[in-house]
């Protein structure tokens, strides 16, 4: 849904967008599948959840959060986070235009980015969850009004969030 909303160039409000344009096929695994095989399937497919089946019936769902909880409860060795971390992480300066950050996230297929100031000190993190909340806020409005200067109101219709005219301009209006 996030990718759809980020890329949607229409001026439709959220209630005008059919869910059929967003949904993807359900990937499932039998309930007897090992945790390791489950995690491997999620990684190979770049997904965060799988439906769990018994025969042909879906009986539940397993998510990355469920796997993290399992790991936290069952990992008893003396391993450190440094042994499991991703050595690559994406970052941007905190004053980088939001359009550039979103483009970097989508092009690199990453769900979060660390923000730094120009002293190279980390100052925050931006995730797709944050962008999703923003897309819902903006996407539910017919127009976004910049009323920072009462004598010159500017109105922006809802546009796709990956366009320079969309997310960047609209996010500036919301922050103002």
Protein backbone atom coordinates (compact mmCIF):
# COMPACT_ATOMS: atom_id res chain seq x y z
CA UNK A 1 0.00 0.00 0.00
CA UNK A 2 2.83 2.37 0.85
CA UNK A 3 4.47 1.94 -2.56
CA UNK A 4 1.13 2.45 -4.29
CA UNK A 5 0.40 5.65 -2.38
CA UNK A 6 3.93 6.92 -2.90
CA UNK A 7 3.68 6.38 -6.66
CA UNK A 8 0.02 7.17 -7.31
CA UNK A 9 -0.17 10.28 -9.49
CA UNK A 10 -3.94 10.66 -9.40
CA UNK A 11 -5.78 13.29 -7.47
CA UNK A 12 -8.19 10.72 -6.00
CA UNK A 13 -9.00 10.77 -2.32
CA UNK A 14 -8.30 7.53 -0.45
CA UNK A 15 -11.96 6.50 -0.42
CA UNK A 16 -11.94 6.69 -4.24
CA UNK A 17 -9.04 4.23 -4.68
CA UNK A 18 -10.02 0.58 -5.15
CA UNK A 19 -8.14 -1.86 -2.93
CA UNK A 20 -7.92 -4.13 -6.01
CA UNK A 21 -5.18 -1.82 -7.36
CA UNK A 22 -3.04 -2.40 -4.27
CA UNK A 23 -3.40 -6.02 -3.13
CA UNK A 24 -0.87 -8.72 -3.92
CA UNK A 25 -1.27 -12.50 -3.86
CA UNK A 26 -1.10 -14.18 -0.46
CA UNK A 27 2.03 -16.25 0.11
CA UNK A 28 1.50 -19.07 2.57
CA UNK A 29 3.30 -21.91 4.30
CA UNK A 30 2.01 -25.00 6.11
CA UNK A 31 1.86 -24.74 9.90
CA UNK A 32 4.50 -27.51 10.15
CA UNK A 33 7.16 -25.37 8.39
CA UNK A 34 10.29 -24.65 10.44
CA UNK A 35 10.96 -21.14 11.69
CA UNK A 36 14.17 -21.09 9.64
CA UNK A 37 12.33 -22.01 6.41
CA UNK A 38 9.68 -19.42 7.18
CA UNK A 39 12.30 -16.68 7.66
CA UNK A 40 14.09 -17.77 4.49
CA UNK A 41 10.87 -17.54 2.45
CA UNK A 42 10.20 -14.03 3.79
CA UNK A 43 13.72 -12.91 2.91
CA UNK A 44 13.67 -14.49 -0.57
CA UNK A 45 10.33 -12.83 -1.38
CA UNK A 46 11.07 -9.50 0.30
CA UNK A 47 7.95 -9.70 2.45
CA UNK A 48 7.15 -9.20 6.11
CA UNK A 49 4.44 -11.79 6.65
CA UNK A 50 3.12 -15.16 5.51
CA UNK A 51 -0.26 -16.79 5.86
CA UNK A 52 -0.16 -20.07 7.80
CA UNK A 53 -2.22 -22.94 6.41
CA UNK A 54 -3.61 -26.24 7.58
CA UNK A 55 -4.56 -28.07 4.41
CA UNK A 56 -6.24 -25.45 2.21
CA UNK A 57 -7.44 -23.30 5.13
CA UNK A 58 -5.61 -20.20 6.38
CA UNK A 59 -5.38 -20.54 10.16
CA UNK A 60 -3.13 -17.58 11.00
CA UNK A 61 -0.36 -15.24 10.00
CA UNK A 62 3.31 -14.98 10.95
CA UNK A 63 5.17 -11.66 10.73
CA UNK A 64 8.75 -10.44 11.03
CA UNK A 65 7.78 -9.21 14.50
CA UNK A 66 6.76 -12.76 15.45
CA UNK A 67 10.17 -14.02 14.26
CA UNK A 68 11.97 -11.33 16.28
CA UNK A 69 9.99 -12.33 19.39
CA UNK A 70 10.88 -15.99 18.80
CA UNK A 71 14.55 -15.10 18.40
CA UNK A 72 14.54 -12.94 21.56
CA UNK A 73 12.98 -15.74 23.63
CA UNK A 74 15.07 -18.57 22.23
CA UNK A 75 18.50 -17.12 21.50
CA UNK A 76 20.55 -18.10 24.53
CA UNK A 77 24.07 -17.89 23.15
CA UNK A 78 26.52 -15.10 23.82
CA UNK A 79 26.30 -13.71 20.29
CA UNK A 80 26.28 -9.95 19.85
CA UNK A 81 24.21 -7.68 17.63
CA UNK A 82 27.37 -6.94 15.66
CA UNK A 83 27.28 -10.52 14.39
CA UNK A 84 23.77 -10.06 12.95
CA UNK A 85 23.68 -6.43 11.85
CA UNK A 86 23.58 -5.28 8.27
CA UNK A 87 26.88 -3.52 7.65
CA UNK A 88 25.18 -1.29 5.09
CA UNK A 89 22.71 1.29 6.21
CA UNK A 90 21.31 4.18 4.27
CA UNK A 91 21.58 7.71 5.54
CA UNK A 92 20.83 11.24 4.42
CA UNK A 93 21.29 14.70 5.83
CA UNK A 94 18.27 15.87 7.80
CA UNK A 95 17.81 18.88 5.50
CA UNK A 96 17.67 16.71 2.35
CA UNK A 97 14.41 17.24 0.44
CA UNK A 98 11.90 14.54 1.31
CA UNK A 99 11.54 13.64 -2.38
CA UNK A 100 15.22 12.67 -2.52
CA UNK A 101 14.98 10.58 0.63
CA UNK A 102 11.87 8.74 -0.60
CA UNK A 103 13.56 8.11 -3.95
CA UNK A 104 16.63 6.72 -2.18
CA UNK A 105 14.46 4.44 -0.04
CA UNK A 106 12.44 3.12 -2.96
CA UNK A 107 15.42 2.75 -5.32
CA UNK A 108 17.41 0.85 -2.67
CA UNK A 109 14.33 -1.09 -1.47
CA UNK A 110 14.89 -0.10 2.14
CA UNK A 111 12.26 0.69 4.74
CA UNK A 112 14.18 3.14 6.91
CA UNK A 113 16.92 5.69 6.65
CA UNK A 114 19.08 7.32 9.32
CA UNK A 115 19.18 11.11 9.25
CA UNK A 116 22.33 13.05 10.19
CA UNK A 117 23.15 16.69 10.67
CA UNK A 118 26.12 18.18 8.85
CA UNK A 119 28.37 17.39 11.83
CA UNK A 120 27.66 13.73 10.92
CA UNK A 121 25.73 13.23 14.17
CA UNK A 122 22.65 10.98 13.85
CA UNK A 123 19.55 13.04 14.62
CA UNK A 124 16.70 10.73 13.67
CA UNK A 125 15.32 7.94 11.57
CA UNK A 126 12.62 8.01 8.90
CA UNK A 127 10.69 4.85 8.10
CA UNK A 128 8.07 3.78 5.60
CA UNK A 129 5.64 3.79 8.52
CA UNK A 130 6.26 7.53 8.86
CA UNK A 131 5.71 7.99 5.12
CA UNK A 132 2.57 5.87 5.30
CA UNK A 133 1.12 8.10 8.01
CA UNK A 134 1.99 11.14 5.90
CA UNK A 135 0.44 9.60 2.79
CA UNK A 136 -2.76 8.86 4.68
CA UNK A 137 -2.92 12.39 6.02
CA UNK A 138 -2.28 14.02 2.67
CA UNK A 139 -4.09 11.38 0.64
CA UNK A 140 -7.32 11.88 2.53
CA UNK A 141 -7.44 15.58 1.79
CA UNK A 142 -8.86 17.05 -1.40
CA UNK A 143 -6.35 19.89 -1.23
CA UNK A 144 -3.45 21.00 0.90
CA UNK A 145 -3.41 24.71 1.65
CA UNK A 146 -0.31 26.74 2.44
CA UNK A 147 -1.66 29.50 4.64
CA UNK A 148 1.64 30.61 6.15
CA UNK A 149 1.18 33.93 4.39
CA UNK A 150 -2.53 34.83 4.75
CA UNK A 151 -2.39 37.27 1.84
CA UNK A 152 -1.14 34.58 -0.60
CA UNK A 153 -2.82 31.21 0.06
CA UNK A 154 -1.52 28.40 -2.14
CA UNK A 155 -3.59 25.27 -2.79
CA UNK A 156 -2.05 21.97 -3.94
CA UNK A 157 -4.21 19.08 -5.15
CA UNK A 158 -3.20 15.62 -3.96
CA UNK A 159 -0.47 14.22 -6.21
CA UNK A 160 1.81 11.20 -6.13
CA UNK A 161 4.38 11.30 -3.40
CA UNK A 162 7.41 10.35 -5.47
CA UNK A 163 7.05 13.34 -7.78
CA UNK A 164 8.93 16.48 -6.90
CA UNK A 165 5.65 18.37 -7.10
CA UNK A 166 3.89 15.82 -4.88
CA UNK A 167 5.53 14.73 -1.65
CA UNK A 168 8.11 17.48 -1.38
CA UNK A 169 5.74 20.34 -1.99
CA UNK A 170 2.96 18.84 0.08
CA UNK A 171 5.23 17.94 2.97
CA UNK A 172 6.53 21.53 3.00
CA UNK A 173 2.93 22.73 3.24
CA UNK A 174 2.14 20.38 6.11
CA UNK A 175 5.28 21.36 8.05
CA UNK A 176 4.54 25.06 7.58
